[in-house]
Amino acid sequence: GETLSPPAQPRHLPTAPSLPPRLDCLSRPPLLPPGLKPWDALTAPQPLDPWLDLLATAALRTVLHAKLEAYPTPLETDEAEIATSPPAAGASNETAPPPPAAAAARRRWLALVLRASEKRILRAAVARMDSMMQTRFRETLALAQAQEATCRSSGLPWARLLAKRGASLADAAPRVTLAYERLAKSSLGTSDGGAALLIQSASALFLFLGGLAVHPCVSRTVLVPEASPFCEPGHAGATGKVEAAGEGTVAGWERLTDSMLSCGEDAIPYLKLYKDKMCMWGAYLLAQWGVARALSVSETSIMLDEALA
């Protein structure tokens, strides 16, 4: 593919011969439609597709989170040490240099302050990426929701339209695979938070295909309201004539994990396997829809059969 390069490259920026294996797939060119150059897409007056923006935001969050996790201590430990061991300040009229031990202690304290500041910046950046990703998840799924609603108002099942787009989906198979690989390797939040986003996405697409987007109990599938197409932007309540979705991400995820823990120790491995499969299905279906604006009806039927088995 064509690499993305700005018009000018600052000379002071270091270049690395290669990236860590975990980030290698994230460095590939964006999954743009054929014929659209990456730099032209970024400089165009129209914003990028929410799916492409989701992939870019997830890749950036992965890099920021990896840098934050590379520090040997968390931010709270540094802040506690800064507060409990401030350096001794000498008199303002002192001209003699401080003793070597005092000078070393002050340099260490200043370095600790600098490191804590870097962690605050990285943590704030990761939080911003989380908010942006949730919005992009909702926008990407809202496109499928709108198409399904149009089909429903016409009296036709959405699956029939998707079946007609099978050829387009087959042509886009290489880009779908790359998109799935990028999304699967990205950091989408905490372990539970990232899983909740993918499981919620899979559930939403299953509901759209089944013609259940306006079912009265659809809000029960909402785990992250800010990323759900069934919730108004900025509100935790579900849209339409459905009941409230709960108290947000924590409440929704606690309902899911509580149900896992209440099934007994013997059932937990199977439920964890089911959670992993739902995450895989969510990433794969999102890749299909994001790249080709289509879904494989046959593959989705197999997923639903496994989910009900």
C-alpha atoms as a PDB file:
ATOM      1  CA  GLY A   1       0.000   0.000   0.000  1.00  0.00           C
ATOM      2  CA  GLU A   2       0.931   3.636  -0.156  1.00  0.00           C
ATOM      3  CA  THR A   3       2.613   5.008   2.927  1.00  0.00           C
ATOM      4  CA  LEU A   4       1.330   8.129   4.622  1.00  0.00           C
ATOM      5  CA  SER A   5       3.930  10.894   4.692  1.00  0.00           C
ATOM      6  CA  PRO A   6       3.458  14.623   5.353  1.00  0.00           C
ATOM      7  CA  PRO A   7       4.923  17.207   2.980  1.00  0.00           C
ATOM      8  CA  ALA A   8       7.879  17.843   5.283  1.00  0.00           C
ATOM      9  CA  GLN A   9       9.572  15.552   7.813  1.00  0.00           C
ATOM     10  CA  PRO A  10      11.294  17.321  10.759  1.00  0.00           C
ATOM     11  CA  ARG A  11      14.912  16.253  10.957  1.00  0.00           C
ATOM     12  CA  HIS A  12      14.970  16.072  14.715  1.00  0.00           C
ATOM     13  CA  LEU A  13      12.356  13.285  14.872  1.00  0.00           C
ATOM     14  CA  PRO A  14      14.000   9.890  15.487  1.00  0.00           C
ATOM     15  CA  THR A  15      13.156   7.000  13.212  1.00  0.00           C
ATOM     16  CA  ALA A  16      13.074   3.364  14.254  1.00  0.00           C
ATOM     17  CA  PRO A  17      13.921   0.486  11.916  1.00  0.00           C
ATOM     18  CA  SER A  18      10.879  -1.486  13.037  1.00  0.00           C
ATOM     19  CA  LEU A  19       7.961  -1.468  15.442  1.00  0.00           C
ATOM     20  CA  PRO A  20       7.181  -4.035  18.142  1.00  0.00           C
ATOM     21  CA  PRO A  21       5.231  -6.986  16.701  1.00  0.00           C
ATOM     22  CA  ARG A  22       2.102  -5.987  18.644  1.00  0.00           C
ATOM     23  CA  LEU A  23       2.044  -2.592  16.934  1.00  0.00           C
ATOM     24  CA  ASP A  24       3.215  -3.717  13.502  1.00  0.00           C
ATOM     25  CA  CYS A  25      -0.245  -4.089  11.994  1.00  0.00           C
ATOM     26  CA  LEU A  26      -1.247  -0.681  13.349  1.00  0.00           C
ATOM     27  CA  SER A  27       1.438   1.020  11.250  1.00  0.00           C
ATOM     28  CA  ARG A  28      -0.011  -0.083   7.934  1.00  0.00           C
ATOM     29  CA  PRO A  29      -1.791   2.442   5.695  1.00  0.00           C
ATOM     30  CA  PRO A  30      -5.422   3.266   6.530  1.00  0.00           C
ATOM     31  CA  LEU A  31      -8.057   0.988   5.060  1.00  0.00           C
ATOM     32  CA  LEU A  32      -9.266   3.586   2.601  1.00  0.00           C
ATOM     33  CA  PRO A  33     -11.433   2.864  -0.440  1.00  0.00           C
ATOM     34  CA  PRO A  34      -9.473   2.053  -3.598  1.00  0.00           C
ATOM     35  CA  GLY A  35      -8.112   5.123  -5.359  1.00  0.00           C
ATOM     36  CA  LEU A  36      -8.196   7.412  -2.317  1.00  0.00           C
ATOM     37  CA  LYS A  37      -4.740   8.435  -1.143  1.00  0.00           C
ATOM     38  CA  PRO A  38      -4.145   8.600   2.651  1.00  0.00           C
ATOM     39  CA  TRP A  39      -2.816  12.157   2.673  1.00  0.00           C
ATOM     40  CA  ASP A  40      -5.704  13.358   0.488  1.00  0.00           C
ATOM     41  CA  ALA A  41      -8.163  11.733   2.899  1.00  0.00           C
ATOM     42  CA  LEU A  42      -6.664  13.490   5.926  1.00  0.00           C
ATOM     43  CA  THR A  43      -6.571  16.905   4.234  1.00  0.00           C
ATOM     44  CA  ALA A  44     -10.041  16.678   2.664  1.00  0.00           C
ATOM     45  CA  PRO A  45     -12.697  19.123   3.936  1.00  0.00           C
ATOM     46  CA  GLN A  46     -15.054  16.241   4.715  1.00  0.00           C
ATOM     47  CA  PRO A  47     -14.293  14.205   7.877  1.00  0.00           C
ATOM     48  CA  LEU A  48     -13.128  10.631   7.622  1.00  0.00           C
ATOM     49  CA  ASP A  49     -15.587   7.787   7.781  1.00  0.00           C
ATOM     50  CA  PRO A  50     -16.363   6.978  11.452  1.00  0.00           C
ATOM     51  CA  TRP A  51     -15.037   3.448  10.923  1.00  0.00           C
ATOM     52  CA  LEU A  52     -11.663   4.717   9.688  1.00  0.00           C
ATOM     53  CA  ASP A  53     -11.595   7.220  12.531  1.00  0.00           C
ATOM     54  CA  LEU A  54     -12.345   4.376  14.952  1.00  0.00           C
ATOM     55  CA  LEU A  55      -9.372   2.366  13.696  1.00  0.00           C
ATOM     56  CA  ALA A  56      -7.068   5.390  13.878  1.00  0.00           C
ATOM     57  CA  THR A  57      -8.247   6.297  17.388  1.00  0.00           C
ATOM     58  CA  ALA A  58      -7.857   2.711  18.592  1.00  0.00           C
ATOM     59  CA  ALA A  59      -4.316   2.563  17.178  1.00  0.00           C
ATOM     60  CA  LEU A  60      -3.369   5.831  18.879  1.00  0.00           C
ATOM     61  CA  ARG A  61      -4.867   4.661  22.164  1.00  0.00           C
ATOM     62  CA  THR A  62      -2.867   1.445  21.917  1.00  0.00           C
ATOM     63  CA  VAL A  63       0.390   3.386  21.571  1.00  0.00           C
ATOM     64  CA  LEU A  64      -0.445   5.807  24.401  1.00  0.00           C
ATOM     65  CA  HIS A  65      -1.565   3.016  26.722  1.00  0.00           C
ATOM     66  CA  ALA A  66       1.581   0.981  26.007  1.00  0.00           C
ATOM     67  CA  LYS A  67       3.734   4.000  26.871  1.00  0.00           C
ATOM     68  CA  LEU A  68       1.784   4.589  30.080  1.00  0.00           C
ATOM     69  CA  GLU A  69       2.089   0.950  31.107  1.00  0.00           C
ATOM     70  CA  ALA A  70       5.851   0.994  30.471  1.00  0.00           C
ATOM     71  CA  TYR A  71       6.479   3.088  33.585  1.00  0.00           C
ATOM     72  CA  PRO A  72       7.604   0.991  36.565  1.00  0.00           C
ATOM     73  CA  THR A  73       5.228   2.698  39.015  1.00  0.00           C
ATOM     74  CA  PRO A  74       1.667   4.044  38.709  1.00  0.00           C
ATOM     75  CA  LEU A  75       0.851   7.743  38.931  1.00  0.00           C
ATOM     76  CA  GLU A  76      -0.620   7.417  42.425  1.00  0.00           C
ATOM     77  CA  THR A  77       2.684   6.087  43.798  1.00  0.00           C
ATOM     78  CA  ASP A  78       4.609   9.018  42.336  1.00  0.00           C
ATOM     79  CA  GLU A  79       2.125  11.562  43.674  1.00  0.00           C
ATOM     80  CA  ALA A  80       2.303  10.053  47.164  1.00  0.00           C
ATOM     81  CA  GLU A  81       6.108  10.172  47.127  1.00  0.00           C
ATOM     82  CA  ILE A  82       6.109  13.761  45.868  1.00  0.00           C
ATOM     83  CA  ALA A  83       3.755  14.826  48.653  1.00  0.00           C
ATOM     84  CA  THR A  84       5.579  13.024  51.470  1.00  0.00           C
ATOM     85  CA  SER A  85       9.195  13.772  50.563  1.00  0.00           C
ATOM     86  CA  PRO A  86       9.591  17.342  49.256  1.00  0.00           C
ATOM     87  CA  PRO A  87      13.213  18.534  48.919  1.00  0.00           C
ATOM     88  CA  ALA A  88      14.605  20.780  51.622  1.00  0.00           C
ATOM     89  CA  ALA A  89      14.646  24.393  50.386  1.00  0.00           C
ATOM     90  CA  GLY A  90      17.656  26.513  51.315  1.00  0.00           C
ATOM     91  CA  ALA A  91      17.608  30.200  52.176  1.00  0.00           C
ATOM     92  CA  SER A  92      17.057  32.596  49.278  1.00  0.00           C
ATOM     93  CA  ASN A  93      20.321  34.410  49.978  1.00  0.00           C
ATOM     94  CA  GLU A  94      22.478  31.273  49.877  1.00  0.00           C
ATOM     95  CA  THR A  95      25.248  31.385  47.278  1.00  0.00           C
ATOM     96  CA  ALA A  96      27.146  28.240  48.196  1.00  0.00           C
ATOM     97  CA  PRO A  97      26.099  25.074  46.350  1.00  0.00           C
ATOM     98  CA  PRO A  98      24.073  22.595  48.419  1.00  0.00           C
ATOM     99  CA  PRO A  99      25.698  19.426  49.742  1.00  0.00           C
ATOM    100  CA  PRO A 100      25.953  16.615  47.196  1.00  0.00           C
ATOM    101  CA  ALA A 101      23.329  14.518  48.993  1.00  0.00           C
ATOM    102  CA  ALA A 102      20.817  17.401  49.077  1.00  0.00           C
ATOM    103  CA  ALA A 103      21.474  18.247  45.434  1.00  0.00           C
ATOM    104  CA  ALA A 104      20.940  14.617  44.400  1.00  0.00           C
ATOM    105  CA  ALA A 105      17.719  14.421  46.411  1.00  0.00           C
ATOM    106  CA  ARG A 106      16.394  17.575  44.781  1.00  0.00           C
ATOM    107  CA  ARG A 107      17.251  16.332  41.272  1.00  0.00           C
ATOM    108  CA  ARG A 108      15.500  13.063  42.018  1.00  0.00           C
ATOM    109  CA  TRP A 109      12.427  14.936  43.288  1.00  0.00           C
ATOM    110  CA  LEU A 110      12.311  17.121  40.185  1.00  0.00           C
ATOM    111  CA  ALA A 111      12.645  14.059  37.960  1.00  0.00           C
ATOM    112  CA  LEU A 112       9.770  12.456  39.861  1.00  0.00           C
ATOM    113  CA  VAL A 113       7.624  15.545  39.322  1.00  0.00           C
ATOM    114  CA  LEU A 114       8.422  15.455  35.604  1.00  0.00           C
ATOM    115  CA  ARG A 115       7.573  11.770  35.351  1.00  0.00           C
ATOM    116  CA  ALA A 116       4.282  12.283  37.189  1.00  0.00           C
ATOM    117  CA  SER A 117       3.415  15.113  34.795  1.00  0.00           C
ATOM    118  CA  GLU A 118       4.067  12.850  31.811  1.00  0.00           C
ATOM    119  CA  LYS A 119       1.779  10.208  33.288  1.00  0.00           C
ATOM    120  CA  ARG A 120      -1.001  12.766  33.837  1.00  0.00           C
ATOM    121  CA  ILE A 121      -0.732  13.856  30.212  1.00  0.00           C
ATOM    122  CA  LEU A 122      -0.788  10.266  28.957  1.00  0.00           C
ATOM    123  CA  ARG A 123      -3.692   9.322  31.212  1.00  0.00           C
ATOM    124  CA  ALA A 124      -5.708  12.333  30.037  1.00  0.00           C
ATOM    125  CA  ALA A 125      -4.908  11.482  26.415  1.00  0.00           C
ATOM    126  CA  VAL A 126      -6.012   7.864  26.900  1.00  0.00           C
ATOM    127  CA  ALA A 127      -9.253   9.047  28.516  1.00  0.00           C
ATOM    128  CA  ARG A 128      -9.862  11.331  25.540  1.00  0.00           C
ATOM    129  CA  MET A 129      -9.240   8.443  23.144  1.00  0.00           C
ATOM    130  CA  ASP A 130     -11.735   6.317  25.103  1.00  0.00           C
ATOM    131  CA  SER A 131     -14.419   8.977  24.712  1.00  0.00           C
ATOM    132  CA  MET A 132     -13.701   9.377  21.005  1.00  0.00           C
ATOM    133  CA  MET A 133     -13.753   5.610  20.422  1.00  0.00           C
ATOM    134  CA  GLN A 134     -17.132   5.213  22.103  1.00  0.00           C
ATOM    135  CA  THR A 135     -18.540   7.928  19.864  1.00  0.00           C
ATOM    136  CA  ARG A 136     -17.111   6.255  16.758  1.00  0.00           C
ATOM    137  CA  PHE A 137     -18.543   2.880  17.795  1.00  0.00           C
ATOM    138  CA  ARG A 138     -21.971   4.478  18.112  1.00  0.00           C
ATOM    139  CA  GLU A 139     -21.680   6.329  14.786  1.00  0.00           C
ATOM    140  CA  THR A 140     -20.537   3.202  12.932  1.00  0.00           C
ATOM    141  CA  LEU A 141     -23.404   1.124  14.306  1.00  0.00           C
ATOM    142  CA  ALA A 142     -25.859   3.978  13.713  1.00  0.00           C
ATOM    143  CA  LEU A 143     -25.187   3.678   9.970  1.00  0.00           C
ATOM    144  CA  ALA A 144     -26.302   0.044  10.101  1.00  0.00           C
ATOM    145  CA  GLN A 145     -29.261   1.025  12.255  1.00  0.00           C
ATOM    146  CA  ALA A 146     -30.379   3.646   9.719  1.00  0.00           C
ATOM    147  CA  GLN A 147     -30.098   1.221   6.808  1.00  0.00           C
ATOM    148  CA  GLU A 148     -32.053  -1.442   8.697  1.00  0.00           C
ATOM    149  CA  ALA A 149     -34.765   1.098   9.583  1.00  0.00           C
ATOM    150  CA  THR A 150     -35.099   2.101   5.922  1.00  0.00           C
ATOM    151  CA  CYS A 151     -35.525  -1.535   4.900  1.00  0.00           C
ATOM    152  CA  ARG A 152     -38.035  -2.138   7.681  1.00  0.00           C
ATOM    153  CA  SER A 153     -40.124   0.874   6.661  1.00  0.00           C
ATOM    154  CA  SER A 154     -40.178  -0.511   3.105  1.00  0.00           C
ATOM    155  CA  GLY A 155     -41.409  -3.870   4.333  1.00  0.00           C
ATOM    156  CA  LEU A 156     -38.229  -5.692   3.346  1.00  0.00           C
ATOM    157  CA  PRO A 157     -35.871  -7.565   5.690  1.00  0.00           C
ATOM    158  CA  TRP A 158     -32.427  -6.056   6.014  1.00  0.00           C
ATOM    159  CA  ALA A 159     -30.893  -9.482   5.396  1.00  0.00           C
ATOM    160  CA  ARG A 160     -32.220  -9.436   1.813  1.00  0.00           C
ATOM    161  CA  LEU A 161     -30.347  -6.222   1.043  1.00  0.00           C
ATOM    162  CA  LEU A 162     -27.186  -7.593   2.653  1.00  0.00           C
ATOM    163  CA  ALA A 163     -27.436 -10.764   0.582  1.00  0.00           C
ATOM    164  CA  LYS A 164     -27.406  -8.643  -2.579  1.00  0.00           C
ATOM    165  CA  ARG A 165     -24.142  -7.060  -1.451  1.00  0.00           C
ATOM    166  CA  GLY A 166     -22.380 -10.406  -1.142  1.00  0.00           C
ATOM    167  CA  ALA A 167     -20.204  -9.740  -4.191  1.00  0.00           C
ATOM    168  CA  SER A 168     -19.015  -6.410  -2.790  1.00  0.00           C
ATOM    169  CA  LEU A 169     -18.179  -8.088   0.499  1.00  0.00           C
ATOM    170  CA  ALA A 170     -16.201 -10.813  -1.283  1.00  0.00           C
ATOM    171  CA  ASP A 171     -14.200  -8.215  -3.222  1.00  0.00           C
ATOM    172  CA  ALA A 172     -13.373  -6.404   0.014  1.00  0.00           C
ATOM    173  CA  ALA A 173     -12.268  -9.587   1.834  1.00  0.00           C
ATOM    174  CA  PRO A 174      -8.548  -8.631   2.042  1.00  0.00           C
ATOM    175  CA  ARG A 175      -9.389  -5.234   3.531  1.00  0.00           C
ATOM    176  CA  VAL A 176     -11.877  -6.841   5.919  1.00  0.00           C
ATOM    177  CA  THR A 177      -9.168  -9.201   7.164  1.00  0.00           C
ATOM    178  CA  LEU A 178      -6.749  -6.347   7.698  1.00  0.00           C
ATOM    179  CA  ALA A 179      -9.398  -4.297   9.497  1.00  0.00           C
ATOM    180  CA  TYR A 180     -10.234  -7.213  11.795  1.00  0.00           C
ATOM    181  CA  GLU A 181      -6.542  -7.725  12.539  1.00  0.00           C
ATOM    182  CA  ARG A 182      -6.058  -4.080  13.422  1.00  0.00           C
ATOM    183  CA  LEU A 183      -9.138  -3.929  15.637  1.00  0.00           C
ATOM    184  CA  ALA A 184      -8.303  -7.202  17.414  1.00  0.00           C
ATOM    185  CA  LYS A 185      -4.778  -5.999  18.235  1.00  0.00           C
ATOM    186  CA  SER A 186      -5.854  -2.546  19.390  1.00  0.00           C
ATOM    187  CA  SER A 187      -6.372  -1.500  22.980  1.00  0.00           C
ATOM    188  CA  LEU A 188     -10.059  -0.593  23.258  1.00  0.00           C
ATOM    189  CA  GLY A 189      -9.990   0.180  26.951  1.00  0.00           C
ATOM    190  CA  THR A 190      -9.591  -1.912  30.043  1.00  0.00           C
ATOM    191  CA  SER A 191      -9.914  -5.660  29.619  1.00  0.00           C
ATOM    192  CA  ASP A 192     -13.589  -5.574  30.594  1.00  0.00           C
ATOM    193  CA  GLY A 193     -14.280  -2.252  28.876  1.00  0.00           C
ATOM    194  CA  GLY A 194     -12.917  -3.374  25.519  1.00  0.00           C
ATOM    195  CA  ALA A 195     -14.844  -6.637  25.724  1.00  0.00           C
ATOM    196  CA  ALA A 196     -18.037  -4.745  26.550  1.00  0.00           C
ATOM    197  CA  LEU A 197     -17.668  -2.585  23.421  1.00  0.00           C
ATOM    198  CA  LEU A 198     -17.244  -5.592  21.123  1.00  0.00           C
ATOM    199  CA  ILE A 199     -19.979  -7.684  22.755  1.00  0.00           C
ATOM    200  CA  GLN A 200     -22.389  -4.760  22.587  1.00  0.00           C
ATOM    201  CA  SER A 201     -21.559  -4.236  18.892  1.00  0.00           C
ATOM    202  CA  ALA A 202     -22.162  -7.895  18.077  1.00  0.00           C
ATOM    203  CA  SER A 203     -25.474  -7.847  19.941  1.00  0.00           C
ATOM    204  CA  ALA A 204     -26.614  -4.697  18.104  1.00  0.00           C
ATOM    205  CA  LEU A 205     -25.860  -6.171  14.677  1.00  0.00           C
ATOM    206  CA  PHE A 206     -27.600  -9.422  15.624  1.00  0.00           C
ATOM    207  CA  LEU A 207     -30.683  -7.417  16.645  1.00  0.00           C
ATOM    208  CA  PHE A 208     -30.648  -5.447  13.391  1.00  0.00           C
ATOM    209  CA  LEU A 209     -30.477  -8.639  11.337  1.00  0.00           C
ATOM    210  CA  GLY A 210     -33.281 -10.199  13.334  1.00  0.00           C
ATOM    211  CA  GLY A 211     -35.561  -7.189  12.903  1.00  0.00           C
ATOM    212  CA  LEU A 212     -35.525  -6.571  16.652  1.00  0.00           C
ATOM    213  CA  ALA A 213     -34.062  -3.055  16.718  1.00  0.00           C
ATOM    214  CA  VAL A 214     -37.286  -1.661  18.263  1.00  0.00           C
ATOM    215  CA  HIS A 215     -37.934  -4.533  20.661  1.00  0.00           C
ATOM    216  CA  PRO A 216     -39.047  -3.296  24.130  1.00  0.00           C
ATOM    217  CA  CYS A 217     -36.164  -5.130  25.822  1.00  0.00           C
ATOM    218  CA  VAL A 218     -33.406  -3.941  23.495  1.00  0.00           C
ATOM    219  CA  SER A 219     -31.915  -1.766  26.246  1.00  0.00           C
ATOM    220  CA  ARG A 220     -30.918  -4.925  28.134  1.00  0.00           C
ATOM    221  CA  THR A 221     -28.139  -5.423  25.592  1.00  0.00           C
ATOM    222  CA  VAL A 222     -26.617  -2.000  26.344  1.00  0.00           C
ATOM    223  CA  LEU A 223     -23.338  -2.292  28.246  1.00  0.00           C
ATOM    224  CA  VAL A 224     -21.711   1.022  27.262  1.00  0.00           C
ATOM    225  CA  PRO A 225     -24.470   3.611  26.676  1.00  0.00           C
ATOM    226  CA  GLU A 226     -22.106   6.150  25.127  1.00  0.00           C
ATOM    227  CA  ALA A 227     -21.201   3.618  22.401  1.00  0.00           C
ATOM    228  CA  SER A 228     -24.668   2.181  21.796  1.00  0.00           C
ATOM    229  CA  PRO A 229     -26.886   3.129  18.845  1.00  0.00           C
ATOM    230  CA  PHE A 230     -29.871   2.544  21.126  1.00  0.00           C
ATOM    231  CA  CYS A 231     -28.940   5.492  23.373  1.00  0.00           C
ATOM    232  CA  GLU A 232     -29.020   9.210  22.701  1.00  0.00           C
ATOM    233  CA  PRO A 233     -25.550  10.836  22.557  1.00  0.00           C
ATOM    234  CA  GLY A 234     -24.609  12.031  26.022  1.00  0.00           C
ATOM    235  CA  HIS A 235     -27.429  10.150  27.759  1.00  0.00           C
ATOM    236  CA  ALA A 236     -27.520   6.744  29.437  1.00  0.00           C
ATOM    237  CA  GLY A 237     -31.166   6.166  28.556  1.00  0.00           C
ATOM    238  CA  ALA A 238     -32.155   4.146  25.526  1.00  0.00           C
ATOM    239  CA  THR A 239     -33.928   5.859  22.670  1.00  0.00           C
ATOM    240  CA  GLY A 240     -37.456   5.185  21.559  1.00  0.00           C
ATOM    241  CA  LYS A 241     -40.132   3.440  23.589  1.00  0.00           C
ATOM    242  CA  VAL A 242     -37.767   1.174  25.465  1.00  0.00           C
ATOM    243  CA  GLU A 243     -36.953   1.091  29.118  1.00  0.00           C
ATOM    244  CA  ALA A 244     -33.924   2.802  30.626  1.00  0.00           C
ATOM    245  CA  ALA A 245     -30.599   1.195  29.968  1.00  0.00           C
ATOM    246  CA  GLY A 246     -29.322   1.389  33.524  1.00  0.00           C
ATOM    247  CA  GLU A 247     -26.602   3.445  35.156  1.00  0.00           C
ATOM    248  CA  GLY A 248     -23.984   3.235  32.416  1.00  0.00           C
ATOM    249  CA  THR A 249     -20.969   1.151  31.626  1.00  0.00           C
ATOM    250  CA  VAL A 250     -20.269  -0.232  35.103  1.00  0.00           C
ATOM    251  CA  ALA A 251     -23.852  -1.213  35.781  1.00  0.00           C
ATOM    252  CA  GLY A 252     -24.233  -2.932  32.427  1.00  0.00           C
ATOM    253  CA  TRP A 253     -20.977  -4.828  32.692  1.00  0.00           C
ATOM    254  CA  GLU A 254     -21.705  -5.826  36.294  1.00  0.00           C
ATOM    255  CA  ARG A 255     -24.976  -7.384  35.142  1.00  0.00           C
ATOM    256  CA  LEU A 256     -23.039  -9.488  32.659  1.00  0.00           C
ATOM    257  CA  THR A 257     -20.251 -10.512  35.027  1.00  0.00           C
ATOM    258  CA  ASP A 258     -22.689 -11.189  37.880  1.00  0.00           C
ATOM    259  CA  SER A 259     -24.605 -13.584  35.645  1.00  0.00           C
ATOM    260  CA  MET A 260     -21.335 -15.332  34.822  1.00  0.00           C
ATOM    261  CA  LEU A 261     -20.384 -15.702  38.464  1.00  0.00           C
ATOM    262  CA  SER A 262     -23.833 -16.934  39.502  1.00  0.00           C
ATOM    263  CA  CYS A 263     -23.679 -20.002  37.247  1.00  0.00           C
ATOM    264  CA  GLY A 264     -21.273 -21.962  39.402  1.00  0.00           C
ATOM    265  CA  GLU A 265     -17.577 -22.697  39.039  1.00  0.00           C
ATOM    266  CA  ASP A 266     -18.101 -25.436  36.468  1.00  0.00           C
ATOM    267  CA  ALA A 267     -19.982 -23.110  34.099  1.00  0.00           C
ATOM    268  CA  ILE A 268     -17.551 -20.169  34.277  1.00  0.00           C
ATOM    269  CA  PRO A 269     -15.031 -21.576  31.721  1.00  0.00           C
ATOM    270  CA  TYR A 270     -17.828 -22.022  29.177  1.00  0.00           C
ATOM    271  CA  LEU A 271     -19.186 -18.532  29.811  1.00  0.00           C
ATOM    272  CA  LYS A 272     -15.715 -17.068  29.446  1.00  0.00           C
ATOM    273  CA  LEU A 273     -15.383 -18.922  26.159  1.00  0.00           C
ATOM    274  CA  TYR A 274     -18.729 -17.483  25.090  1.00  0.00           C
ATOM    275  CA  LYS A 275     -17.535 -13.987  26.015  1.00  0.00           C
ATOM    276  CA  ASP A 276     -14.371 -14.450  23.962  1.00  0.00           C
ATOM    277  CA  LYS A 277     -16.400 -15.673  20.987  1.00  0.00           C
ATOM    278  CA  MET A 278     -18.743 -12.685  21.254  1.00  0.00           C
ATOM    279  CA  CYS A 279     -15.728 -10.366  21.238  1.00  0.00           C
ATOM    280  CA  MET A 280     -14.365 -12.093  18.147  1.00  0.00           C
ATOM    281  CA  TRP A 281     -17.743 -11.905  16.404  1.00  0.00           C
ATOM    282  CA  GLY A 282     -18.104  -8.240  17.292  1.00  0.00           C
ATOM    283  CA  ALA A 283     -14.709  -7.340  15.850  1.00  0.00           C
ATOM    284  CA  TYR A 284     -15.288  -9.430  12.709  1.00  0.00           C
ATOM    285  CA  LEU A 285     -18.780  -8.082  11.998  1.00  0.00           C
ATOM    286  CA  LEU A 286     -17.619  -4.523  12.623  1.00  0.00           C
ATOM    287  CA  ALA A 287     -14.780  -5.069  10.151  1.00  0.00           C
ATOM    288  CA  GLN A 288     -17.214  -6.336   7.521  1.00  0.00           C
ATOM    289  CA  TRP A 289     -19.649  -3.495   8.001  1.00  0.00           C
ATOM    290  CA  GLY A 290     -16.995  -0.797   8.325  1.00  0.00           C
ATOM    291  CA  VAL A 291     -15.097  -1.803   5.190  1.00  0.00           C
ATOM    292  CA  ALA A 292     -17.822  -3.036   2.824  1.00  0.00           C
ATOM    293  CA  ARG A 293     -21.056  -1.704   4.380  1.00  0.00           C
ATOM    294  CA  ALA A 294     -22.267  -5.276   4.253  1.00  0.00           C
ATOM    295  CA  LEU A 295     -22.459  -8.384   6.415  1.00  0.00           C
ATOM    296  CA  SER A 296     -22.216 -12.037   5.523  1.00  0.00           C
ATOM    297  CA  VAL A 297     -25.718 -13.325   6.232  1.00  0.00           C
ATOM    298  CA  SER A 298     -24.586 -16.962   6.193  1.00  0.00           C
ATOM    299  CA  GLU A 299     -21.724 -16.368   8.630  1.00  0.00           C
ATOM    300  CA  THR A 300     -23.966 -14.333  10.898  1.00  0.00           C
ATOM    301  CA  SER A 301     -26.545 -17.131  10.898  1.00  0.00           C
ATOM    302  CA  ILE A 302     -23.852 -19.566  12.018  1.00  0.00           C
ATOM    303  CA  MET A 303     -22.863 -17.180  14.821  1.00  0.00           C
ATOM    304  CA  LEU A 304     -26.495 -16.918  15.949  1.00  0.00           C
ATOM    305  CA  ASP A 305     -26.899 -20.695  15.891  1.00  0.00           C
ATOM    306  CA  GLU A 306     -23.806 -21.047  18.085  1.00  0.00           C
ATOM    307  CA  ALA A 307     -25.063 -18.343  20.422  1.00  0.00           C
ATOM    308  CA  LEU A 308     -28.389 -20.126  20.880  1.00  0.00           C
ATOM    309  CA  ALA A 309     -26.875 -23.600  21.158  1.00  0.00           C
END
